[in-house]
Structures are given as structure tokens and as C-alpha cells.
C-alpha atoms as a PDB file:
ATOM      1  CA  MET A   1      13.684 -20.152  31.029  1.00  0.00           C
ATOM      2  CA  GLU A   2      14.641 -16.793  32.493  1.00  0.00           C
ATOM      3  CA  ILE A   3      15.059 -13.500  30.686  1.00  0.00           C
ATOM      4  CA  VAL A   4      16.140 -10.153  32.088  1.00  0.00           C
ATOM      5  CA  ALA A   5      13.980  -7.140  31.299  1.00  0.00           C
ATOM      6  CA  GLN A   6      15.835  -4.231  29.769  1.00  0.00           C
ATOM      7  CA  THR A   7      14.927  -0.562  29.597  1.00  0.00           C
ATOM      8  CA  LEU A   8      12.615   0.132  26.673  1.00  0.00           C
ATOM      9  CA  THR A   9      14.151   2.020  23.741  1.00  0.00           C
ATOM     10  CA  ALA A  10      12.655   2.609  20.320  1.00  0.00           C
ATOM     11  CA  LEU A  11      15.620   0.959  18.580  1.00  0.00           C
ATOM     12  CA  ASP A  12      15.583  -2.266  20.624  1.00  0.00           C
ATOM     13  CA  TYR A  13      11.791  -2.527  20.410  1.00  0.00           C
ATOM     14  CA  ALA A  14      11.458  -1.778  16.657  1.00  0.00           C
ATOM     15  CA  PRO A  15      11.036  -5.430  15.511  1.00  0.00           C
ATOM     16  CA  TYR A  16       7.960  -5.746  17.759  1.00  0.00           C
ATOM     17  CA  GLY A  17       6.241  -2.355  17.531  1.00  0.00           C
ATOM     18  CA  HIS A  18       6.738   1.335  18.145  1.00  0.00           C
ATOM     19  CA  VAL A  19       7.588   3.434  21.185  1.00  0.00           C
ATOM     20  CA  LEU A  20       5.867   6.797  21.308  1.00  0.00           C
ATOM     21  CA  SER A  21       7.116   9.519  23.633  1.00  0.00           C
ATOM     22  CA  ALA A  22       8.193  13.119  23.418  1.00  0.00           C
ATOM     23  CA  LYS A  23      11.721  11.965  24.308  1.00  0.00           C
ATOM     24  CA  GLU A  24      11.865   9.571  21.357  1.00  0.00           C
ATOM     25  CA  GLY A  25       9.525  11.557  19.111  1.00  0.00           C
ATOM     26  CA  GLY A  26      12.152  13.122  16.899  1.00  0.00           C
ATOM     27  CA  GLU A  27      11.720  16.676  15.699  1.00  0.00           C
ATOM     28  CA  SER A  28       9.094  18.858  17.255  1.00  0.00           C
ATOM     29  CA  GLN A  29       7.435  22.077  16.282  1.00  0.00           C
ATOM     30  CA  PRO A  30       5.719  24.729  18.344  1.00  0.00           C
ATOM     31  CA  ALA A  31       1.954  24.482  18.730  1.00  0.00           C
ATOM     32  CA  ASN A  32      -0.883  26.274  20.493  1.00  0.00           C
ATOM     33  CA  ARG A  33       0.686  29.712  20.132  1.00  0.00           C
ATOM     34  CA  GLY A  34       3.948  28.502  21.628  1.00  0.00           C
ATOM     35  CA  THR A  35       2.521  26.930  24.789  1.00  0.00           C
ATOM     36  CA  ALA A  36       3.202  23.383  23.582  1.00  0.00           C
ATOM     37  CA  GLU A  37       5.543  21.268  21.504  1.00  0.00           C
ATOM     38  CA  MET A  38       3.955  18.931  18.956  1.00  0.00           C
ATOM     39  CA  PHE A  39       5.413  15.568  17.977  1.00  0.00           C
ATOM     40  CA  GLN A  40       3.426  14.014  15.151  1.00  0.00           C
ATOM     41  CA  HIS A  41       3.253  11.007  12.829  1.00  0.00           C
ATOM     42  CA  LEU A  42       4.780   8.843  15.550  1.00  0.00           C
ATOM     43  CA  THR A  43       3.213   5.534  14.497  1.00  0.00           C
ATOM     44  CA  GLN A  44       0.830   3.889  12.078  1.00  0.00           C
ATOM     45  CA  VAL A  45      -2.015   1.804  13.464  1.00  0.00           C
ATOM     46  CA  GLN A  46      -2.834  -1.083  11.119  1.00  0.00           C
ATOM     47  CA  ASN A  47      -6.207  -2.702  10.528  1.00  0.00           C
ATOM     48  CA  LEU A  48      -5.655  -5.731   8.283  1.00  0.00           C
ATOM     49  CA  ARG A  49      -9.430  -6.338   8.050  1.00  0.00           C
ATOM     50  CA  PRO A  50     -10.731  -2.990   6.747  1.00  0.00           C
ATOM     51  CA  GLY A  51     -14.481  -2.826   6.386  1.00  0.00           C
ATOM     52  CA  LYS A  52     -14.851  -5.778   8.770  1.00  0.00           C
ATOM     53  CA  ALA A  53     -13.071  -4.853  12.015  1.00  0.00           C
ATOM     54  CA  ARG A  54     -13.617  -1.514  13.685  1.00  0.00           C
ATOM     55  CA  GLU A  55     -11.532   0.470  16.105  1.00  0.00           C
ATOM     56  CA  ASN A  56     -12.096  -0.315  19.756  1.00  0.00           C
ATOM     57  CA  TRP A  57     -10.813   2.169  22.340  1.00  0.00           C
ATOM     58  CA  LYS A  58     -10.606   0.605  25.828  1.00  0.00           C
ATOM     59  CA  ILE A  59      -9.358   1.484  29.284  1.00  0.00           C
ATOM     60  CA  TYR A  60      -7.889  -1.269  31.430  1.00  0.00           C
ATOM     61  CA  ARG A  61      -7.672  -0.666  35.181  1.00  0.00           C
ATOM     62  CA  CYS A  62      -4.705  -2.889  36.016  1.00  0.00           C
ATOM     63  CA  GLN A  63      -3.643  -4.207  39.403  1.00  0.00           C
ATOM     64  CA  PRO A  64       0.125  -4.427  39.920  1.00  0.00           C
ATOM     65  CA  ASN A  65       2.043  -7.651  39.588  1.00  0.00           C
ATOM     66  CA  LEU A  66       4.321  -7.550  42.640  1.00  0.00           C
ATOM     67  CA  GLU A  67       5.736 -11.051  42.125  1.00  0.00           C
ATOM     68  CA  ARG A  68       9.435 -11.177  41.279  1.00  0.00           C
ATOM     69  CA  PRO A  69      10.500 -12.632  39.004  1.00  0.00           C
ATOM     70  CA  VAL A  70       7.369 -12.076  36.926  1.00  0.00           C
ATOM     71  CA  GLN A  71       5.907 -15.348  35.635  1.00  0.00           C
ATOM     72  CA  ILE A  72       4.772 -15.584  32.012  1.00  0.00           C
ATOM     73  CA  LEU A  73       1.757 -17.885  32.079  1.00  0.00           C
ATOM     74  CA  GLU A  74       0.506 -16.975  28.622  1.00  0.00           C
ATOM     75  CA  LEU A  75       1.195 -14.800  25.625  1.00  0.00           C
ATOM     76  CA  GLU A  76      -1.349 -13.385  23.207  1.00  0.00           C
ATOM     77  CA  LYS A  77      -1.336 -11.869  19.753  1.00  0.00           C
ATOM     78  CA  HIS A  78      -3.671  -9.871  17.556  1.00  0.00           C
ATOM     79  CA  PRO A  79      -3.050 -11.247  14.050  1.00  0.00           C
ATOM     80  CA  PHE A  80      -4.911  -8.516  12.161  1.00  0.00           C
ATOM     81  CA  SER A  81      -4.393  -5.338  14.154  1.00  0.00           C
ATOM     82  CA  THR A  82      -1.850  -3.139  15.790  1.00  0.00           C
ATOM     83  CA  GLN A  83      -2.523  -2.821  19.510  1.00  0.00           C
ATOM     84  CA  LEU A  84      -1.623   0.373  21.341  1.00  0.00           C
ATOM     85  CA  PHE A  85      -1.212   0.901  25.104  1.00  0.00           C
ATOM     86  CA  ALA A  86      -0.866   4.337  26.726  1.00  0.00           C
ATOM     87  CA  PRO A  87      -0.523   4.882  30.476  1.00  0.00           C
ATOM     88  CA  ILE A  88      -2.932   7.497  31.841  1.00  0.00           C
ATOM     89  CA  GLY A  89      -3.390   9.173  35.191  1.00  0.00           C
ATOM     90  CA  ARG A  90      -0.907   8.118  37.859  1.00  0.00           C
ATOM     91  CA  ALA A  91       0.297   5.082  35.922  1.00  0.00           C
ATOM     92  CA  GLY A  92       3.743   3.783  36.784  1.00  0.00           C
ATOM     93  CA  ARG A  93       6.108   1.436  35.007  1.00  0.00           C
ATOM     94  CA  TYR A  94       4.810  -1.540  33.089  1.00  0.00           C
ATOM     95  CA  LEU A  95       6.377  -4.707  31.690  1.00  0.00           C
ATOM     96  CA  VAL A  96       6.334  -5.574  28.010  1.00  0.00           C
ATOM     97  CA  ALA A  97       7.391  -9.081  26.931  1.00  0.00           C
ATOM     98  CA  VAL A  98       7.304  -9.864  23.200  1.00  0.00           C
ATOM     99  CA  ALA A  99       8.172 -12.657  20.778  1.00  0.00           C
ATOM    100  CA  ARG A 100       7.831 -13.435  17.111  1.00  0.00           C
ATOM    101  CA  GLY A 101       6.303 -16.614  15.743  1.00  0.00           C
ATOM    102  CA  GLU A 102       3.389 -17.875  13.689  1.00  0.00           C
ATOM    103  CA  ASN A 103       1.271 -20.567  15.372  1.00  0.00           C
ATOM    104  CA  GLU A 104       3.076 -20.199  18.680  1.00  0.00           C
ATOM    105  CA  PRO A 105       5.749 -17.889  20.068  1.00  0.00           C
ATOM    106  CA  ASP A 106       9.337 -18.519  19.027  1.00  0.00           C
ATOM    107  CA  LEU A 107      10.873 -18.348  22.497  1.00  0.00           C
ATOM    108  CA  THR A 108      14.337 -17.725  21.032  1.00  0.00           C
ATOM    109  CA  THR A 109      13.009 -14.259  20.108  1.00  0.00           C
ATOM    110  CA  LEU A 110      11.438 -13.553  23.525  1.00  0.00           C
ATOM    111  CA  LYS A 111      12.493 -10.180  24.934  1.00  0.00           C
ATOM    112  CA  ALA A 112      11.262  -8.135  27.875  1.00  0.00           C
ATOM    113  CA  PHE A 113      11.288  -4.393  28.455  1.00  0.00           C
ATOM    114  CA  VAL A 114      10.402  -2.125  31.357  1.00  0.00           C
ATOM    115  CA  THR A 115       8.696   1.070  30.265  1.00  0.00           C
ATOM    116  CA  SER A 116       8.369   4.430  31.917  1.00  0.00           C
ATOM    117  CA  ASN A 117       4.989   6.018  32.473  1.00  0.00           C
ATOM    118  CA  GLN A 118       5.823   8.471  29.675  1.00  0.00           C
ATOM    119  CA  GLN A 119       6.116   5.818  26.973  1.00  0.00           C
ATOM    120  CA  ILE A 120       3.284   4.539  24.801  1.00  0.00           C
ATOM    121  CA  ILE A 121       3.852   1.270  22.978  1.00  0.00           C
ATOM    122  CA  THR A 122       2.313  -0.519  20.050  1.00  0.00           C
ATOM    123  CA  TYR A 123       2.492  -4.163  19.095  1.00  0.00           C
ATOM    124  CA  HIS A 124       2.726  -4.895  15.372  1.00  0.00           C
ATOM    125  CA  PRO A 125      -0.011  -7.240  14.091  1.00  0.00           C
ATOM    126  CA  GLY A 126       0.919 -10.852  14.901  1.00  0.00           C
ATOM    127  CA  ILE A 127       3.458 -10.104  17.659  1.00  0.00           C
ATOM    128  CA  TRP A 128       3.077 -12.369  20.691  1.00  0.00           C
ATOM    129  CA  HIS A 129       3.018 -10.383  23.922  1.00  0.00           C
ATOM    130  CA  LEU A 130       2.421 -10.618  27.639  1.00  0.00           C
ATOM    131  CA  PRO A 131      -1.023  -9.417  28.719  1.00  0.00           C
ATOM    132  CA  MET A 132      -0.821  -5.924  30.260  1.00  0.00           C
ATOM    133  CA  THR A 133       1.395  -6.155  33.350  1.00  0.00           C
ATOM    134  CA  VAL A 134       1.864  -3.074  35.519  1.00  0.00           C
ATOM    135  CA  LEU A 135       4.618  -3.067  38.125  1.00  0.00           C
ATOM    136  CA  ASP A 136       4.264  -0.196  40.595  1.00  0.00           C
ATOM    137  CA  GLY A 137       0.633   0.217  41.595  1.00  0.00           C
ATOM    138  CA  GLU A 138      -2.872   0.288  40.198  1.00  0.00           C
ATOM    139  CA  SER A 139      -2.711   1.890  36.758  1.00  0.00           C
ATOM    140  CA  ASP A 140      -5.125   2.828  34.026  1.00  0.00           C
ATOM    141  CA  MET A 141      -4.051   1.989  30.496  1.00  0.00           C
ATOM    142  CA  LEU A 142      -5.681   3.290  27.337  1.00  0.00           C
ATOM    143  CA  SER A 143      -5.745   0.745  24.509  1.00  0.00           C
ATOM    144  CA  LEU A 144      -6.646   0.796  20.835  1.00  0.00           C
ATOM    145  CA  VAL A 145      -7.151  -2.316  18.711  1.00  0.00           C
ATOM    146  CA  TYR A 146      -9.264  -3.170  15.653  1.00  0.00           C
ATOM    147  CA  GLU A 147     -11.723  -5.999  16.348  1.00  0.00           C
ATOM    148  CA  ASP A 148     -14.656  -7.708  14.653  1.00  0.00           C
ATOM    149  CA  GLY A 149     -15.791  -9.932  17.551  1.00  0.00           C
ATOM    150  CA  SER A 150     -14.306 -13.154  16.144  1.00  0.00           C
ATOM    151  CA  ASP A 151     -11.798 -15.547  17.715  1.00  0.00           C
ATOM    152  CA  ASP A 152      -9.194 -14.015  15.371  1.00  0.00           C
ATOM    153  CA  ASP A 153      -9.236 -10.779  17.383  1.00  0.00           C
ATOM    154  CA  CYS A 154      -6.984 -12.282  20.064  1.00  0.00           C
ATOM    155  CA  VAL A 155      -5.122 -15.614  19.984  1.00  0.00           C
ATOM    156  CA  ILE A 156      -3.816 -16.951  23.317  1.00  0.00           C
ATOM    157  CA  TRP A 157      -0.908 -19.364  23.874  1.00  0.00           C
ATOM    158  CA  ALA A 158      -0.468 -21.028  27.278  1.00  0.00           C
ATOM    159  CA  ALA A 159       3.104 -21.552  28.443  1.00  0.00           C
ATOM    160  CA  GLU A 160       3.913 -25.234  28.972  1.00  0.00           C
ATOM    161  CA  ARG A 161       7.127 -24.579  30.864  1.00  0.00           C
ATOM    162  CA  ARG A 162       8.251 -22.046  33.424  1.00  0.00           C
ATOM    163  CA  LEU A 163       9.052 -18.665  31.896  1.00  0.00           C
ATOM    164  CA  GLU A 164      10.296 -15.880  34.166  1.00  0.00           C
ATOM    165  CA  VAL A 165      11.208 -12.243  33.661  1.00  0.00           C
ATOM    166  CA  VAL A 166      13.708 -10.665  36.046  1.00  0.00           C
ATOM    167  CA  VAL A 167      12.716  -7.052  36.709  1.00  0.00           C
ATOM    168  CA  SER A 168      14.941  -4.653  38.601  1.00  0.00           C
END
């Protein structure tokens, strides 16, 4: 199965999560005595296990995937938490592949997006997604997820057939 990655937009990505960026942030207001623009209330991070799971801020130092097309070997999901990824430093583009589904991904809903280094994404709780895949060079990614240390924090599905994403 082959899918073609498209440019990430908030509208196309809405069924899977949110896109946060100043470009797609909506209305802004001046801040810091006029030296900045503030875009606020851009997303809601969900913890579906309050009192049990706690927020976990992480940084991933990712090596680029230079293989084309990009192979999807596995997808993962976080059933009880939003997961957020924000490029930091000199981060370049990264690939986001997402699907809906309960016990396993529904591959008829599989979509792929290429992000810019100015876009932050979230995955809604329960959305299957490709592990972090950067495209252009070593990149640091800031992540937020709510975890309690159990197997329910992250569920992994191994692809049984060849899945490829064409990236231009």
C-alpha cells in the first residue's frame, strides 16, 4: 500500500489532532509592550486518566529518515492522552502519518502529512500514528504526553504488509 504525503493544514489534519502555528493560529493580540504577537488557546491537551497519569515533558533527538519512500513498520497510539510534538532548535520538516481505528489501525483512514519546522502537532487520544520521523537532518522534538507507567501509555501495532509513504 502506498500513500502520498500532503502538506499539513489544520483543516485536513483536524480529525487526527491539532496544528499549532502562528500562521494557523487565528487572531492575535499584541504582547510584551508591542514587541510580540500572542496566539493563545490553540489546543487542549487531554488526560483521560486524571489523578493517575501525570504530564511527561520529553525531548527526542531524532536522526533523519532518508529512505524514500518512507516505510511504515509500525504505528502507535496513546489511548488516554493527547500527545504533542514541537520542533525546537534547527529542526527541519517531519512526517506525520495517522489513522483511526480501535484495536488496530483502519488503513482506509491512513493519511500522511509533511510539516514545516514552524508547525506543532498534537495527536488526539487513540489516534494511531507513525513514531516521530524527521526528514531533513538531526532534529530535537519537544513532546508532552500524560503517562502512568502502564502498558496503556503506548500501544504498538506492527505492520504485516508493506506500507510506504511517498514524500516529495
